[in-house]
Amino acid sequence: SAILCVRTPQGATMREFRLALRMWFPHNNGQIAPVAELPERVVKLEADEDTVTMSGIDPGPAKTPMQYVFQVDAAGFAKTLSAPFTVDPLRAVRIDLQLTRGATLVGKIVDESGKPIAQAEVTTQASGFSEDNPIWRMLASASADRITRTTVQTDAEGRYRLHGLAYAAYQLRIEHPEFCRALLRDQNVASDGELPVATVVLKRGA
């Protein structure tokens, strides 16, 4: 079993959130995967409760125990992962998780003459994702997301803001019907606050 306490950055106990247990792979860039036998669930704690217990977690082999993280999604906060942990068959482990507000990526889209492009769609993707690769699509459908999936449009000045992004490695897909699609890779989010993104130049193509 694992006992989880979720708190806000100010230290208040969070009593309503979506909870998931994920397998953690430390030697593969911290990738996560679902635990099929323990599906996601909505937690609603009573006023006198400040923790939730999840039982039935497989500890794995004694020499190489399984590593896990809790993933919490709460209103007003970014999707947040706990520190990695292992479980002990003889006693429950306690995990404390502090929610994060998430990052805001701020950028601009222009054409080859430097003119701002309005109504371009900017979509978050996992770093390295290739929607044209069937293997990538298969893996993506079977894995758990660390990223926050969202799409925004640029304003009249070609600017966009992507709010509340969970800590993860992202790439941004930029699309507009009059221009070639573009990808902005290697956007690593590891802290709250506003993060500027390099200006992207879209080409009209042949």
N, C-alpha and C. Protein backbone atom coordinates (compact mmCIF):
# COMPACT_ATOMS: atom_id res chain seq x y z
N SER A 1 0.83 -1.20 0.00
CA SER A 1 0.00 0.00 0.00
C SER A 1 0.87 1.25 0.00
N ALA A 2 0.28 2.34 -0.48
CA ALA A 2 0.92 3.66 -0.43
C ALA A 2 -0.11 4.67 0.04
N ILE A 3 0.30 5.52 0.94
CA ILE A 3 -0.57 6.56 1.49
C ILE A 3 -0.13 7.90 0.90
N LEU A 4 -1.05 8.60 0.29
CA LEU A 4 -0.73 9.85 -0.42
C LEU A 4 -1.40 11.04 0.25
N CYS A 5 -0.60 12.09 0.47
CA CYS A 5 -1.11 13.38 0.94
C CYS A 5 -0.80 14.42 -0.13
N VAL A 6 -1.83 15.10 -0.62
CA VAL A 6 -1.67 16.10 -1.69
C VAL A 6 -1.90 17.49 -1.09
N ARG A 7 -0.95 18.38 -1.33
CA ARG A 7 -1.07 19.74 -0.80
C ARG A 7 -0.83 20.77 -1.91
N THR A 8 -1.38 21.95 -1.70
CA THR A 8 -1.15 23.07 -2.59
C THR A 8 0.23 23.67 -2.29
N PRO A 9 0.74 24.57 -3.14
CA PRO A 9 2.02 25.22 -2.84
C PRO A 9 2.00 25.99 -1.52
N GLN A 10 0.81 26.39 -1.06
CA GLN A 10 0.70 27.12 0.21
C GLN A 10 0.57 26.19 1.41
N GLY A 11 0.48 24.88 1.15
CA GLY A 11 0.43 23.91 2.24
C GLY A 11 -0.95 23.42 2.60
N ALA A 12 -1.98 23.90 1.92
CA ALA A 12 -3.34 23.44 2.22
C ALA A 12 -3.56 22.04 1.64
N THR A 13 -4.34 21.23 2.35
CA THR A 13 -4.65 19.88 1.88
C THR A 13 -5.63 19.95 0.71
N MET A 14 -5.32 19.23 -0.37
CA MET A 14 -6.22 19.14 -1.53
C MET A 14 -7.10 17.92 -1.33
N ARG A 15 -8.41 18.11 -1.38
CA ARG A 15 -9.32 17.02 -1.05
C ARG A 15 -10.10 16.47 -2.24
N GLU A 16 -9.94 17.11 -3.39
CA GLU A 16 -10.64 16.59 -4.58
C GLU A 16 -9.69 16.64 -5.77
N PHE A 17 -9.44 15.49 -6.38
CA PHE A 17 -8.50 15.41 -7.50
C PHE A 17 -8.65 14.07 -8.20
N ARG A 18 -8.08 13.98 -9.38
CA ARG A 18 -8.00 12.72 -10.11
C ARG A 18 -6.64 12.10 -9.83
N LEU A 19 -6.65 10.82 -9.47
CA LEU A 19 -5.44 10.14 -9.05
C LEU A 19 -5.13 8.96 -9.96
N ALA A 20 -3.86 8.82 -10.32
CA ALA A 20 -3.41 7.67 -11.11
C ALA A 20 -2.08 7.19 -10.58
N LEU A 21 -1.89 5.88 -10.58
CA LEU A 21 -0.59 5.28 -10.27
C LEU A 21 0.10 4.95 -11.58
N ARG A 22 1.37 5.35 -11.69
CA ARG A 22 2.14 5.10 -12.92
C ARG A 22 3.43 4.35 -12.59
N MET A 23 3.80 3.43 -13.47
CA MET A 23 5.14 2.86 -13.39
C MET A 23 6.15 3.91 -13.84
N TRP A 24 7.31 3.90 -13.21
CA TRP A 24 8.35 4.90 -13.47
C TRP A 24 9.60 4.20 -13.98
N PHE A 25 10.15 4.73 -15.08
CA PHE A 25 11.33 4.12 -15.69
C PHE A 25 12.48 5.14 -15.65
N PRO A 26 13.31 5.08 -14.60
CA PRO A 26 14.34 6.11 -14.39
C PRO A 26 15.41 6.13 -15.46
N HIS A 27 15.68 4.98 -16.10
CA HIS A 27 16.75 4.91 -17.09
C HIS A 27 16.25 5.18 -18.51
N ASN A 28 15.01 5.63 -18.62
CA ASN A 28 14.43 5.91 -19.94
C ASN A 28 13.82 7.31 -19.93
N ASN A 29 14.63 8.27 -19.44
CA ASN A 29 14.22 9.68 -19.38
C ASN A 29 12.97 9.90 -18.53
N GLY A 30 12.81 9.05 -17.53
CA GLY A 30 11.68 9.23 -16.63
C GLY A 30 10.33 9.02 -17.28
N GLN A 31 10.23 8.08 -18.19
CA GLN A 31 8.95 7.79 -18.82
C GLN A 31 8.03 7.10 -17.82
N ILE A 32 6.74 7.23 -18.05
CA ILE A 32 5.74 6.60 -17.19
C ILE A 32 4.83 5.72 -18.02
N ALA A 33 4.17 4.78 -17.35
CA ALA A 33 3.25 3.87 -18.03
C ALA A 33 2.10 3.55 -17.09
N PRO A 34 0.91 3.29 -17.65
CA PRO A 34 -0.24 2.97 -16.79
C PRO A 34 -0.04 1.66 -16.04
N VAL A 35 -0.74 1.53 -14.92
CA VAL A 35 -0.82 0.28 -14.17
C VAL A 35 -2.23 -0.24 -14.38
N ALA A 36 -2.36 -1.22 -15.26
CA ALA A 36 -3.68 -1.64 -15.73
C ALA A 36 -4.60 -2.11 -14.60
N GLU A 37 -4.02 -2.82 -13.61
CA GLU A 37 -4.86 -3.39 -12.56
C GLU A 37 -5.31 -2.34 -11.54
N LEU A 38 -4.74 -1.13 -11.60
CA LEU A 38 -5.14 -0.06 -10.69
C LEU A 38 -5.47 1.18 -11.52
N PRO A 39 -6.68 1.25 -12.07
CA PRO A 39 -7.04 2.36 -12.97
C PRO A 39 -7.16 3.70 -12.25
N GLU A 40 -7.18 4.76 -13.05
CA GLU A 40 -7.37 6.11 -12.50
C GLU A 40 -8.70 6.19 -11.76
N ARG A 41 -8.72 7.10 -10.79
CA ARG A 41 -9.98 7.31 -10.07
C ARG A 41 -10.06 8.74 -9.55
N VAL A 42 -11.27 9.17 -9.25
CA VAL A 42 -11.51 10.49 -8.68
C VAL A 42 -11.53 10.35 -7.16
N VAL A 43 -10.76 11.19 -6.48
CA VAL A 43 -10.68 11.17 -5.02
C VAL A 43 -11.44 12.38 -4.46
N LYS A 44 -12.32 12.11 -3.49
CA LYS A 44 -13.03 13.17 -2.77
C LYS A 44 -12.93 12.86 -1.28
N LEU A 45 -12.00 13.54 -0.61
CA LEU A 45 -11.77 13.29 0.81
C LEU A 45 -12.79 14.03 1.66
N GLU A 46 -13.14 13.43 2.80
CA GLU A 46 -14.03 14.09 3.76
C GLU A 46 -13.26 15.18 4.50
N ALA A 47 -13.99 16.01 5.21
CA ALA A 47 -13.37 17.14 5.91
C ALA A 47 -12.34 16.70 6.95
N ASP A 48 -12.52 15.51 7.52
CA ASP A 48 -11.60 15.03 8.54
C ASP A 48 -10.50 14.13 7.96
N GLU A 49 -10.41 14.04 6.63
CA GLU A 49 -9.40 13.22 5.98
C GLU A 49 -8.38 14.11 5.28
N ASP A 50 -7.12 13.67 5.30
CA ASP A 50 -6.11 14.42 4.56
C ASP A 50 -5.20 13.51 3.73
N THR A 51 -5.50 12.21 3.70
CA THR A 51 -4.72 11.28 2.88
C THR A 51 -5.65 10.29 2.19
N VAL A 52 -5.13 9.67 1.12
CA VAL A 52 -5.83 8.60 0.43
C VAL A 52 -4.87 7.42 0.35
N THR A 53 -5.39 6.21 0.53
CA THR A 53 -4.56 5.00 0.50
C THR A 53 -4.87 4.19 -0.75
N MET A 54 -3.82 3.75 -1.45
CA MET A 54 -3.98 2.85 -2.59
C MET A 54 -3.31 1.53 -2.23
N SER A 55 -4.09 0.46 -2.30
CA SER A 55 -3.59 -0.86 -1.95
C SER A 55 -3.48 -1.75 -3.19
N GLY A 56 -2.80 -2.88 -3.02
CA GLY A 56 -2.68 -3.84 -4.12
C GLY A 56 -1.59 -3.50 -5.12
N ILE A 57 -0.60 -2.70 -4.71
CA ILE A 57 0.49 -2.31 -5.61
C ILE A 57 1.55 -3.42 -5.63
N ASP A 58 1.91 -3.86 -6.80
CA ASP A 58 2.89 -4.94 -6.95
C ASP A 58 4.29 -4.41 -6.62
N PRO A 59 4.97 -4.97 -5.60
CA PRO A 59 6.31 -4.48 -5.27
C PRO A 59 7.37 -4.89 -6.28
N GLY A 60 7.10 -5.94 -7.06
CA GLY A 60 8.09 -6.41 -8.02
C GLY A 60 9.13 -7.29 -7.35
N PRO A 61 10.17 -7.72 -8.11
CA PRO A 61 11.21 -8.59 -7.54
C PRO A 61 11.97 -7.89 -6.42
N ALA A 62 12.42 -8.69 -5.44
CA ALA A 62 13.14 -8.12 -4.29
C ALA A 62 14.43 -7.44 -4.70
N LYS A 63 15.15 -8.00 -5.67
CA LYS A 63 16.43 -7.42 -6.09
C LYS A 63 16.25 -6.17 -6.95
N THR A 64 15.20 -6.12 -7.73
CA THR A 64 14.93 -4.96 -8.58
C THR A 64 13.47 -4.54 -8.43
N PRO A 65 13.13 -3.92 -7.30
CA PRO A 65 11.72 -3.56 -7.06
C PRO A 65 11.19 -2.58 -8.10
N MET A 66 9.91 -2.67 -8.36
CA MET A 66 9.26 -1.75 -9.28
C MET A 66 9.27 -0.34 -8.69
N GLN A 67 9.45 0.64 -9.56
CA GLN A 67 9.36 2.04 -9.12
C GLN A 67 8.06 2.64 -9.66
N TYR A 68 7.45 3.48 -8.84
CA TYR A 68 6.17 4.09 -9.18
C TYR A 68 6.21 5.59 -8.91
N VAL A 69 5.25 6.28 -9.49
CA VAL A 69 4.93 7.66 -9.12
C VAL A 69 3.42 7.79 -9.07
N PHE A 70 2.93 8.70 -8.26
CA PHE A 70 1.54 9.10 -8.32
C PHE A 70 1.42 10.29 -9.28
N GLN A 71 0.35 10.30 -10.05
CA GLN A 71 0.06 11.42 -10.95
C GLN A 71 -1.28 12.01 -10.51
N VAL A 72 -1.25 13.31 -10.21
CA VAL A 72 -2.44 13.98 -9.68
C VAL A 72 -2.83 15.12 -10.60
N ASP A 73 -4.11 15.16 -10.92
CA ASP A 73 -4.67 16.23 -11.76
C ASP A 73 -5.77 16.91 -10.95
N ALA A 74 -5.55 18.17 -10.56
CA ALA A 74 -6.50 18.90 -9.73
C ALA A 74 -6.85 20.24 -10.38
N ALA A 75 -8.06 20.67 -10.21
CA ALA A 75 -8.54 21.92 -10.81
C ALA A 75 -7.68 23.09 -10.35
N GLY A 76 -7.24 23.92 -11.30
CA GLY A 76 -6.45 25.09 -10.98
C GLY A 76 -4.96 24.84 -10.91
N PHE A 77 -4.55 23.58 -11.15
CA PHE A 77 -3.13 23.23 -11.08
C PHE A 77 -2.74 22.40 -12.30
N ALA A 78 -1.43 22.36 -12.56
CA ALA A 78 -0.94 21.51 -13.63
C ALA A 78 -0.90 20.06 -13.15
N LYS A 79 -0.95 19.14 -14.10
CA LYS A 79 -0.79 17.72 -13.76
C LYS A 79 0.57 17.55 -13.09
N THR A 80 0.59 16.89 -11.93
CA THR A 80 1.80 16.83 -11.11
C THR A 80 2.16 15.39 -10.77
N LEU A 81 3.46 15.07 -10.84
CA LEU A 81 3.97 13.76 -10.46
C LEU A 81 4.62 13.84 -9.08
N SER A 82 4.46 12.76 -8.33
CA SER A 82 5.17 12.66 -7.05
C SER A 82 6.61 12.25 -7.29
N ALA A 83 7.39 12.24 -6.24
CA ALA A 83 8.73 11.65 -6.33
C ALA A 83 8.59 10.15 -6.53
N PRO A 84 9.51 9.51 -7.26
CA PRO A 84 9.44 8.06 -7.44
C PRO A 84 9.54 7.32 -6.09
N PHE A 85 8.86 6.18 -6.00
CA PHE A 85 8.90 5.40 -4.77
C PHE A 85 8.76 3.91 -5.07
N THR A 86 9.13 3.10 -4.10
CA THR A 86 8.90 1.66 -4.14
C THR A 86 7.99 1.31 -2.97
N VAL A 87 7.38 0.12 -3.03
CA VAL A 87 6.49 -0.30 -1.94
C VAL A 87 7.09 -1.48 -1.20
N ASP A 88 6.69 -1.60 0.05
CA ASP A 88 7.16 -2.67 0.94
C ASP A 88 5.98 -3.57 1.26
N PRO A 89 6.10 -4.88 1.03
CA PRO A 89 4.97 -5.78 1.32
C PRO A 89 4.54 -5.77 2.78
N LEU A 90 5.44 -5.34 3.68
CA LEU A 90 5.15 -5.43 5.12
C LEU A 90 4.59 -4.15 5.73
N ARG A 91 4.71 -3.03 5.03
CA ARG A 91 4.20 -1.79 5.61
C ARG A 91 3.85 -0.80 4.50
N ALA A 92 2.94 0.10 4.82
CA ALA A 92 2.55 1.13 3.85
C ALA A 92 3.60 2.23 3.80
N VAL A 93 3.84 2.77 2.61
CA VAL A 93 4.77 3.88 2.45
C VAL A 93 3.95 5.17 2.31
N ARG A 94 4.44 6.24 2.88
CA ARG A 94 3.74 7.53 2.80
C ARG A 94 4.43 8.41 1.76
N ILE A 95 3.61 9.03 0.90
CA ILE A 95 4.10 9.92 -0.15
C ILE A 95 3.43 11.29 0.03
N ASP A 96 4.25 12.34 0.05
CA ASP A 96 3.73 13.71 0.09
C ASP A 96 3.97 14.36 -1.27
N LEU A 97 2.92 14.91 -1.83
CA LEU A 97 2.99 15.52 -3.16
C LEU A 97 2.53 16.97 -3.08
N GLN A 98 3.34 17.89 -3.59
CA GLN A 98 2.96 19.30 -3.67
C GLN A 98 2.60 19.65 -5.10
N LEU A 99 1.39 20.13 -5.30
CA LEU A 99 0.91 20.48 -6.63
C LEU A 99 1.71 21.65 -7.21
N THR A 100 1.79 21.70 -8.54
CA THR A 100 2.46 22.80 -9.23
C THR A 100 1.44 23.56 -10.08
N ARG A 101 1.69 24.84 -10.27
CA ARG A 101 0.81 25.66 -11.11
C ARG A 101 1.07 25.41 -12.59
N GLY A 102 2.30 24.98 -12.91
CA GLY A 102 2.65 24.75 -14.31
C GLY A 102 3.27 25.97 -14.96
N ALA A 103 3.86 25.73 -16.10
CA ALA A 103 4.55 26.80 -16.84
C ALA A 103 3.63 27.38 -17.91
N THR A 104 4.00 28.58 -18.39
CA THR A 104 3.34 29.22 -19.52
C THR A 104 4.39 29.47 -20.59
N LEU A 105 4.24 28.82 -21.74
CA LEU A 105 5.13 29.06 -22.86
C LEU A 105 4.58 30.21 -23.69
N VAL A 106 5.44 31.19 -23.95
CA VAL A 106 5.03 32.40 -24.68
C VAL A 106 5.89 32.54 -25.92
N GLY A 107 5.25 32.68 -27.09
CA GLY A 107 6.02 32.78 -28.33
C GLY A 107 5.30 33.57 -29.40
N LYS A 108 5.90 33.59 -30.59
CA LYS A 108 5.36 34.37 -31.70
C LYS A 108 5.59 33.62 -33.01
N ILE A 109 4.63 33.74 -33.93
CA ILE A 109 4.70 33.10 -35.24
C ILE A 109 4.69 34.19 -36.32
N VAL A 110 5.66 34.14 -37.23
CA VAL A 110 5.74 35.14 -38.31
C VAL A 110 5.96 34.43 -39.64
N ASP A 111 5.76 35.19 -40.75
CA ASP A 111 6.09 34.64 -42.07
C ASP A 111 7.53 35.01 -42.42
N GLU A 112 7.95 34.68 -43.65
CA GLU A 112 9.35 34.87 -44.04
C GLU A 112 9.74 36.34 -44.14
N SER A 113 8.76 37.23 -44.24
CA SER A 113 9.06 38.66 -44.27
C SER A 113 9.03 39.28 -42.88
N GLY A 114 8.72 38.47 -41.85
CA GLY A 114 8.65 38.97 -40.49
C GLY A 114 7.27 39.44 -40.07
N LYS A 115 6.27 39.29 -40.96
CA LYS A 115 4.91 39.73 -40.65
C LYS A 115 4.23 38.72 -39.73
N PRO A 116 3.58 39.19 -38.66
CA PRO A 116 2.90 38.26 -37.74
C PRO A 116 1.81 37.46 -38.45
N ILE A 117 1.65 36.21 -38.04
CA ILE A 117 0.62 35.33 -38.60
C ILE A 117 -0.44 35.12 -37.52
N ALA A 118 -1.65 35.59 -37.81
CA ALA A 118 -2.77 35.40 -36.89
C ALA A 118 -3.47 34.08 -37.17
N GLN A 119 -4.13 33.55 -36.15
CA GLN A 119 -4.95 32.32 -36.23
C GLN A 119 -4.15 31.09 -36.65
N ALA A 120 -2.87 31.07 -36.33
CA ALA A 120 -2.10 29.83 -36.47
C ALA A 120 -2.36 28.97 -35.23
N GLU A 121 -2.52 27.67 -35.42
CA GLU A 121 -2.77 26.77 -34.31
C GLU A 121 -1.45 26.23 -33.75
N VAL A 122 -1.29 26.35 -32.43
CA VAL A 122 -0.10 25.84 -31.74
C VAL A 122 -0.56 24.74 -30.80
N THR A 123 -0.04 23.54 -31.00
CA THR A 123 -0.47 22.35 -30.25
C THR A 123 0.71 21.73 -29.53
N THR A 124 0.52 21.36 -28.27
CA THR A 124 1.58 20.68 -27.52
C THR A 124 1.61 19.20 -27.88
N GLN A 125 2.83 18.66 -27.99
CA GLN A 125 3.04 17.23 -28.20
C GLN A 125 4.21 16.78 -27.32
N ALA A 126 4.28 15.47 -27.08
CA ALA A 126 5.43 14.93 -26.36
C ALA A 126 6.67 15.07 -27.23
N SER A 127 7.79 15.41 -26.61
CA SER A 127 9.03 15.59 -27.35
C SER A 127 9.37 14.33 -28.14
N GLY A 128 9.66 14.50 -29.43
CA GLY A 128 10.02 13.38 -30.28
C GLY A 128 8.85 12.70 -30.95
N PHE A 129 7.62 13.09 -30.59
CA PHE A 129 6.45 12.45 -31.19
C PHE A 129 6.38 12.71 -32.69
N SER A 130 6.01 11.68 -33.45
CA SER A 130 5.84 11.80 -34.90
C SER A 130 4.49 11.22 -35.28
N GLU A 131 3.53 12.10 -35.60
CA GLU A 131 2.19 11.62 -35.92
C GLU A 131 2.14 10.85 -37.23
N ASP A 132 3.17 10.99 -38.07
CA ASP A 132 3.21 10.26 -39.34
C ASP A 132 3.83 8.87 -39.19
N ASN A 133 4.33 8.56 -38.00
CA ASN A 133 4.99 7.28 -37.75
C ASN A 133 4.01 6.35 -37.03
N PRO A 134 3.60 5.23 -37.66
CA PRO A 134 2.61 4.34 -37.02
C PRO A 134 3.10 3.72 -35.73
N ILE A 135 4.42 3.49 -35.60
CA ILE A 135 4.96 2.94 -34.36
C ILE A 135 4.79 3.93 -33.23
N TRP A 136 5.08 5.22 -33.52
CA TRP A 136 4.90 6.27 -32.50
C TRP A 136 3.44 6.34 -32.07
N ARG A 137 2.52 6.28 -33.05
CA ARG A 137 1.09 6.38 -32.71
C ARG A 137 0.67 5.21 -31.83
N MET A 138 1.17 4.02 -32.12
CA MET A 138 0.82 2.84 -31.33
C MET A 138 1.34 2.98 -29.89
N LEU A 139 2.61 3.42 -29.76
CA LEU A 139 3.19 3.59 -28.42
C LEU A 139 2.46 4.68 -27.64
N ALA A 140 2.11 5.76 -28.34
CA ALA A 140 1.43 6.87 -27.67
C ALA A 140 0.07 6.45 -27.13
N SER A 141 -0.63 5.59 -27.88
CA SER A 141 -1.96 5.17 -27.45
C SER A 141 -1.90 4.24 -26.23
N ALA A 142 -0.73 3.58 -26.04
CA ALA A 142 -0.60 2.62 -24.94
C ALA A 142 0.10 3.20 -23.72
N SER A 143 0.63 4.42 -23.83
CA SER A 143 1.40 5.00 -22.73
C SER A 143 0.60 6.07 -22.01
N ALA A 144 1.14 6.52 -20.89
CA ALA A 144 0.51 7.59 -20.12
C ALA A 144 1.18 8.91 -20.45
N ASP A 145 0.39 9.96 -20.47
CA ASP A 145 0.91 11.29 -20.80
C ASP A 145 1.53 11.95 -19.58
N ARG A 146 2.76 12.47 -19.75
CA ARG A 146 3.32 13.38 -18.76
C ARG A 146 2.98 14.81 -19.14
N ILE A 147 2.77 15.06 -20.44
CA ILE A 147 2.56 16.42 -20.90
C ILE A 147 1.12 16.87 -20.67
N THR A 148 0.91 18.17 -20.78
CA THR A 148 -0.43 18.75 -20.84
C THR A 148 -0.78 18.97 -22.30
N ARG A 149 -1.85 18.36 -22.75
CA ARG A 149 -2.26 18.48 -24.15
C ARG A 149 -3.20 19.68 -24.30
N THR A 150 -2.82 20.61 -25.14
CA THR A 150 -3.64 21.80 -25.35
C THR A 150 -3.33 22.42 -26.71
N THR A 151 -4.27 23.19 -27.23
CA THR A 151 -4.11 23.90 -28.51
C THR A 151 -4.61 25.33 -28.35
N VAL A 152 -3.84 26.29 -28.85
CA VAL A 152 -4.26 27.69 -28.84
C VAL A 152 -4.03 28.28 -30.22
N GLN A 153 -4.64 29.44 -30.46
CA GLN A 153 -4.44 30.17 -31.72
C GLN A 153 -3.68 31.46 -31.45
N THR A 154 -2.87 31.86 -32.42
CA THR A 154 -2.15 33.13 -32.30
C THR A 154 -3.12 34.30 -32.47
N ASP A 155 -2.77 35.43 -31.82
CA ASP A 155 -3.61 36.63 -31.94
C ASP A 155 -3.18 37.44 -33.16
N ALA A 156 -3.70 38.65 -33.28
CA ALA A 156 -3.40 39.49 -34.44
C ALA A 156 -1.93 39.85 -34.55
N GLU A 157 -1.20 39.79 -33.43
CA GLU A 157 0.23 40.07 -33.43
C GLU A 157 1.08 38.80 -33.59
N GLY A 158 0.40 37.68 -33.87
CA GLY A 158 1.12 36.42 -34.05
C GLY A 158 1.59 35.78 -32.75
N ARG A 159 1.10 36.27 -31.62
CA ARG A 159 1.57 35.78 -30.33
C ARG A 159 0.63 34.70 -29.76
N TYR A 160 1.20 33.83 -28.94
CA TYR A 160 0.40 32.80 -28.28
C TYR A 160 0.93 32.55 -26.87
N ARG A 161 0.05 31.99 -26.03
CA ARG A 161 0.41 31.64 -24.65
C ARG A 161 -0.20 30.27 -24.35
N LEU A 162 0.63 29.35 -23.93
CA LEU A 162 0.20 28.02 -23.53
C LEU A 162 0.30 27.93 -22.00
N HIS A 163 -0.86 27.85 -21.33
CA HIS A 163 -0.91 27.97 -19.87
C HIS A 163 -0.92 26.60 -19.19
N GLY A 164 -0.48 26.59 -17.93
CA GLY A 164 -0.66 25.44 -17.05
C GLY A 164 -0.03 24.15 -17.52
N LEU A 165 1.18 24.23 -18.08
CA LEU A 165 1.82 23.03 -18.62
C LEU A 165 2.53 22.24 -17.53
N ALA A 166 2.26 20.94 -17.50
CA ALA A 166 2.93 20.05 -16.55
C ALA A 166 4.41 19.94 -16.89
N TYR A 167 5.21 19.61 -15.89
CA TYR A 167 6.65 19.47 -16.09
C TYR A 167 6.92 18.26 -17.00
N ALA A 168 7.53 18.52 -18.14
CA ALA A 168 7.81 17.47 -19.12
C ALA A 168 8.59 18.08 -20.28
N ALA A 169 9.00 17.23 -21.21
CA ALA A 169 9.66 17.68 -22.45
C ALA A 169 8.61 17.74 -23.56
N TYR A 170 8.52 18.89 -24.20
CA TYR A 170 7.49 19.14 -25.21
C TYR A 170 8.11 19.43 -26.57
N GLN A 171 7.27 19.28 -27.59
CA GLN A 171 7.49 19.93 -28.88
C GLN A 171 6.18 20.59 -29.27
N LEU A 172 6.27 21.66 -30.03
CA LEU A 172 5.07 22.41 -30.45
C LEU A 172 4.85 22.23 -31.93
N ARG A 173 3.63 21.87 -32.30
CA ARG A 173 3.26 21.77 -33.71
C ARG A 173 2.50 23.04 -34.10
N ILE A 174 2.97 23.69 -35.17
CA ILE A 174 2.35 24.95 -35.63
C ILE A 174 1.75 24.72 -37.00
N GLU A 175 0.46 25.05 -37.14
CA GLU A 175 -0.25 24.84 -38.41
C GLU A 175 -1.08 26.06 -38.77
N HIS A 176 -1.11 26.35 -40.07
CA HIS A 176 -1.97 27.40 -40.63
C HIS A 176 -2.28 26.98 -42.06
N PRO A 177 -3.52 27.15 -42.51
CA PRO A 177 -3.88 26.65 -43.85
C PRO A 177 -3.09 27.25 -45.01
N GLU A 178 -2.46 28.41 -44.80
CA GLU A 178 -1.73 29.06 -45.89
C GLU A 178 -0.21 28.81 -45.83
N PHE A 179 0.23 28.01 -44.83
CA PHE A 179 1.66 27.81 -44.65
C PHE A 179 1.98 26.34 -44.42
N CYS A 180 3.26 26.00 -44.56
CA CYS A 180 3.72 24.64 -44.24
C CYS A 180 3.70 24.44 -42.73
N ARG A 181 3.41 23.21 -42.34
CA ARG A 181 3.44 22.86 -40.92
C ARG A 181 4.87 22.95 -40.39
N ALA A 182 5.02 23.34 -39.12
CA ALA A 182 6.34 23.44 -38.50
C ALA A 182 6.31 22.81 -37.12
N LEU A 183 7.47 22.33 -36.68
CA LEU A 183 7.64 21.78 -35.33
C LEU A 183 8.72 22.55 -34.60
N LEU A 184 8.44 22.91 -33.37
CA LEU A 184 9.44 23.53 -32.50
C LEU A 184 9.77 22.52 -31.42
N ARG A 185 10.94 21.93 -31.50
CA ARG A 185 11.31 20.81 -30.64
C ARG A 185 12.04 21.26 -29.37
N ASP A 186 12.20 20.30 -28.47
CA ASP A 186 13.06 20.44 -27.28
C ASP A 186 12.68 21.63 -26.40
N GLN A 187 11.41 21.68 -26.03
CA GLN A 187 10.94 22.68 -25.08
C GLN A 187 10.76 21.99 -23.72
N ASN A 188 11.74 22.17 -22.84
CA ASN A 188 11.73 21.47 -21.56
C ASN A 188 11.13 22.35 -20.47
N VAL A 189 10.07 21.86 -19.86
CA VAL A 189 9.37 22.58 -18.80
C VAL A 189 9.72 21.91 -17.47
N ALA A 190 10.36 22.66 -16.58
CA ALA A 190 10.78 22.09 -15.30
C ALA A 190 10.51 23.03 -14.12
N SER A 191 9.77 24.11 -14.35
CA SER A 191 9.46 25.04 -13.26
C SER A 191 8.22 25.84 -13.62
N ASP A 192 7.59 26.41 -12.60
CA ASP A 192 6.43 27.28 -12.83
C ASP A 192 6.89 28.62 -13.41
N GLY A 193 5.92 29.38 -13.89
CA GLY A 193 6.23 30.70 -14.40
C GLY A 193 6.20 30.78 -15.91
N GLU A 194 6.56 31.96 -16.42
CA GLU A 194 6.49 32.24 -17.86
C GLU A 194 7.84 31.95 -18.52
N LEU A 195 7.81 31.19 -19.60
CA LEU A 195 9.02 30.81 -20.32
C LEU A 195 8.93 31.29 -21.76
N PRO A 196 9.85 32.17 -22.22
CA PRO A 196 9.81 32.62 -23.61
C PRO A 196 10.27 31.52 -24.56
N VAL A 197 9.65 31.49 -25.75
CA VAL A 197 9.96 30.50 -26.78
C VAL A 197 10.47 31.23 -28.01
N ALA A 198 11.42 30.62 -28.71
CA ALA A 198 11.97 31.24 -29.92
C ALA A 198 10.86 31.50 -30.96
N THR A 199 10.97 32.63 -31.65
CA THR A 199 10.02 32.95 -32.72
C THR A 199 10.12 31.91 -33.85
N VAL A 200 8.97 31.49 -34.35
CA VAL A 200 8.91 30.49 -35.42
C VAL A 200 8.53 31.18 -36.72
N VAL A 201 9.29 30.89 -37.78
CA VAL A 201 9.02 31.44 -39.11
C VAL A 201 8.37 30.35 -39.95
N LEU A 202 7.13 30.60 -40.41
CA LEU A 202 6.45 29.65 -41.28
C LEU A 202 6.70 29.99 -42.74
N LYS A 203 6.88 28.94 -43.55
CA LYS A 203 7.13 29.12 -44.98
C LYS A 203 5.87 28.77 -45.76
N ARG A 204 5.68 29.45 -46.88
CA ARG A 204 4.49 29.19 -47.69
C ARG A 204 4.63 27.91 -48.51
N GLY A 205 5.86 27.52 -48.85
CA GLY A 205 6.06 26.29 -49.59
C GLY A 205 5.77 26.41 -51.07
N ALA A 206 5.90 25.30 -51.76
CA ALA A 206 5.71 25.29 -53.23
C ALA A 206 4.23 25.26 -53.56
